[in-house]
Amino acid sequence: MNNRELFEYVGNVHIHSLYSDGGGSVADIARAGSENGLDFIVLNDHEYMTDSLHLEEESLRGKVLVLMGLEIGGSAYP
C-alpha cells in the first residue's frame, strides 16, 4: 500500500428545495447539512417545476459544498 491518505466525504445527492417541491431554501438546506455533519449536498429539483438550474446557488457554504442539478422527468412526462 502506498502512503496516500484516505478521505471519506459524507453527503446527500438528492435533495429538493423551494425551487420545486422541497421545504427549504438552499441556505436552509446547507445549514441543516452542516448541522448534521455533511460535507456536500446536491440539490436536484424537478426540472419541470423550476425556471433554471440556479447555478448561482453553487458554493461552499461554511464547510458544506453545495452543487446544483436537475431531476428530469415527472408529471411533465406521462
C-alpha atoms as a PDB file:
ATOM      1  CA  MET A   1       0.000   0.000   0.000  1.00  0.00           C
ATOM      2  CA  ASN A   2       1.286   3.498  -0.765  1.00  0.00           C
ATOM      3  CA  ASN A   3       1.461   6.447   1.648  1.00  0.00           C
ATOM      4  CA  ARG A   4      -1.586   8.302   0.313  1.00  0.00           C
ATOM      5  CA  GLU A   5      -4.057   9.381   2.938  1.00  0.00           C
ATOM      6  CA  LEU A   6      -7.623   8.206   2.507  1.00  0.00           C
ATOM      7  CA  PHE A   7     -10.568  10.544   2.976  1.00  0.00           C
ATOM      8  CA  GLU A   8     -14.244   9.873   3.404  1.00  0.00           C
ATOM      9  CA  TYR A   9     -16.779  12.504   2.371  1.00  0.00           C
ATOM     10  CA  VAL A  10     -20.359  12.282   3.573  1.00  0.00           C
ATOM     11  CA  GLY A  11     -23.207  13.905   1.685  1.00  0.00           C
ATOM     12  CA  ASN A  12     -26.656  13.721   0.178  1.00  0.00           C
ATOM     13  CA  VAL A  13     -27.042  13.593  -3.608  1.00  0.00           C
ATOM     14  CA  HIS A  14     -30.800  14.059  -3.950  1.00  0.00           C
ATOM     15  CA  ILE A  15     -32.493  16.974  -2.195  1.00  0.00           C
ATOM     16  CA  HIS A  16     -35.377  19.175  -3.349  1.00  0.00           C
ATOM     17  CA  SER A  17     -35.550  22.859  -2.398  1.00  0.00           C
ATOM     18  CA  LEU A  18     -38.199  25.539  -2.622  1.00  0.00           C
ATOM     19  CA  TYR A  19     -37.310  25.789  -6.316  1.00  0.00           C
ATOM     20  CA  SER A  20     -39.581  22.753  -6.782  1.00  0.00           C
ATOM     21  CA  ASP A  21     -41.396  20.720  -4.128  1.00  0.00           C
ATOM     22  CA  GLY A  22     -38.903  20.867  -1.251  1.00  0.00           C
ATOM     23  CA  GLY A  23     -39.473  22.555   2.076  1.00  0.00           C
ATOM     24  CA  GLY A  24     -36.403  24.775   2.458  1.00  0.00           C
ATOM     25  CA  SER A  25     -34.247  27.341   0.727  1.00  0.00           C
ATOM     26  CA  VAL A  26     -30.758  26.380  -0.423  1.00  0.00           C
ATOM     27  CA  ALA A  27     -29.327  28.283   2.572  1.00  0.00           C
ATOM     28  CA  ASP A  28     -31.641  26.412   4.970  1.00  0.00           C
ATOM     29  CA  ILE A  29     -30.688  23.050   3.475  1.00  0.00           C
ATOM     30  CA  ALA A  30     -26.949  23.834   3.565  1.00  0.00           C
ATOM     31  CA  ARG A  31     -27.267  24.891   7.208  1.00  0.00           C
ATOM     32  CA  ALA A  32     -29.092  21.652   8.075  1.00  0.00           C
ATOM     33  CA  GLY A  33     -26.440  19.656   6.225  1.00  0.00           C
ATOM     34  CA  SER A  34     -23.700  21.377   8.188  1.00  0.00           C
ATOM     35  CA  GLU A  35     -25.500  20.781  11.483  1.00  0.00           C
ATOM     36  CA  ASN A  36     -25.720  17.088  10.590  1.00  0.00           C
ATOM     37  CA  GLY A  37     -22.072  16.671   9.616  1.00  0.00           C
ATOM     38  CA  LEU A  38     -22.406  16.575   5.816  1.00  0.00           C
ATOM     39  CA  ASP A  39     -19.514  17.590   3.580  1.00  0.00           C
ATOM     40  CA  PHE A  40     -21.601  18.137   0.454  1.00  0.00           C
ATOM     41  CA  ILE A  41     -25.164  18.308  -0.797  1.00  0.00           C
ATOM     42  CA  VAL A  42     -26.526  18.060  -4.324  1.00  0.00           C
ATOM     43  CA  LEU A  43     -29.888  19.682  -4.975  1.00  0.00           C
ATOM     44  CA  ASN A  44     -31.869  18.060  -7.769  1.00  0.00           C
ATOM     45  CA  ASP A  45     -35.092  19.986  -8.102  1.00  0.00           C
ATOM     46  CA  HIS A  46     -37.708  18.842 -10.608  1.00  0.00           C
ATOM     47  CA  GLU A  47     -36.834  20.412 -13.949  1.00  0.00           C
ATOM     48  CA  TYR A  48     -40.493  20.929 -14.849  1.00  0.00           C
ATOM     49  CA  MET A  49     -41.100  22.948 -11.657  1.00  0.00           C
ATOM     50  CA  THR A  50     -38.179  25.398 -11.830  1.00  0.00           C
ATOM     51  CA  ASP A  51     -37.247  28.058 -14.344  1.00  0.00           C
ATOM     52  CA  SER A  52     -33.488  27.337 -14.436  1.00  0.00           C
ATOM     53  CA  LEU A  53     -30.638  25.296 -12.989  1.00  0.00           C
ATOM     54  CA  HIS A  54     -29.868  28.061 -10.432  1.00  0.00           C
ATOM     55  CA  LEU A  55     -26.104  27.666 -10.720  1.00  0.00           C
ATOM     56  CA  GLU A  56     -25.716  30.933  -8.799  1.00  0.00           C
ATOM     57  CA  GLU A  57     -26.560  28.873  -5.689  1.00  0.00           C
ATOM     58  CA  GLU A  58     -23.500  26.613  -6.079  1.00  0.00           C
ATOM     59  CA  SER A  59     -20.882  27.467  -3.496  1.00  0.00           C
ATOM     60  CA  LEU A  60     -19.005  26.406  -0.427  1.00  0.00           C
ATOM     61  CA  ARG A  61     -21.269  27.413   2.455  1.00  0.00           C
ATOM     62  CA  GLY A  62     -19.263  27.086   5.609  1.00  0.00           C
ATOM     63  CA  LYS A  63     -17.901  23.550   5.351  1.00  0.00           C
ATOM     64  CA  VAL A  64     -20.677  22.252   3.068  1.00  0.00           C
ATOM     65  CA  LEU A  65     -20.157  22.147  -0.699  1.00  0.00           C
ATOM     66  CA  VAL A  66     -23.461  22.909  -2.468  1.00  0.00           C
ATOM     67  CA  LEU A  67     -23.899  21.592  -6.023  1.00  0.00           C
ATOM     68  CA  MET A  68     -26.956  22.057  -8.241  1.00  0.00           C
ATOM     69  CA  GLY A  69     -28.539  19.563 -10.597  1.00  0.00           C
ATOM     70  CA  LEU A  70     -31.953  18.816 -12.062  1.00  0.00           C
ATOM     71  CA  GLU A  71     -34.223  15.807 -11.734  1.00  0.00           C
ATOM     72  CA  ILE A  72     -35.501  15.126 -15.226  1.00  0.00           C
ATOM     73  CA  GLY A  73     -38.893  13.525 -15.597  1.00  0.00           C
ATOM     74  CA  GLY A  74     -42.058  13.533 -13.599  1.00  0.00           C
ATOM     75  CA  SER A  75     -45.517  14.892 -14.251  1.00  0.00           C
ATOM     76  CA  ALA A  76     -44.432  16.656 -17.437  1.00  0.00           C
ATOM     77  CA  TYR A  77     -43.552  13.226 -18.881  1.00  0.00           C
ATOM     78  CA  PRO A  78     -46.543  10.890 -18.635  1.00  0.00           C
END
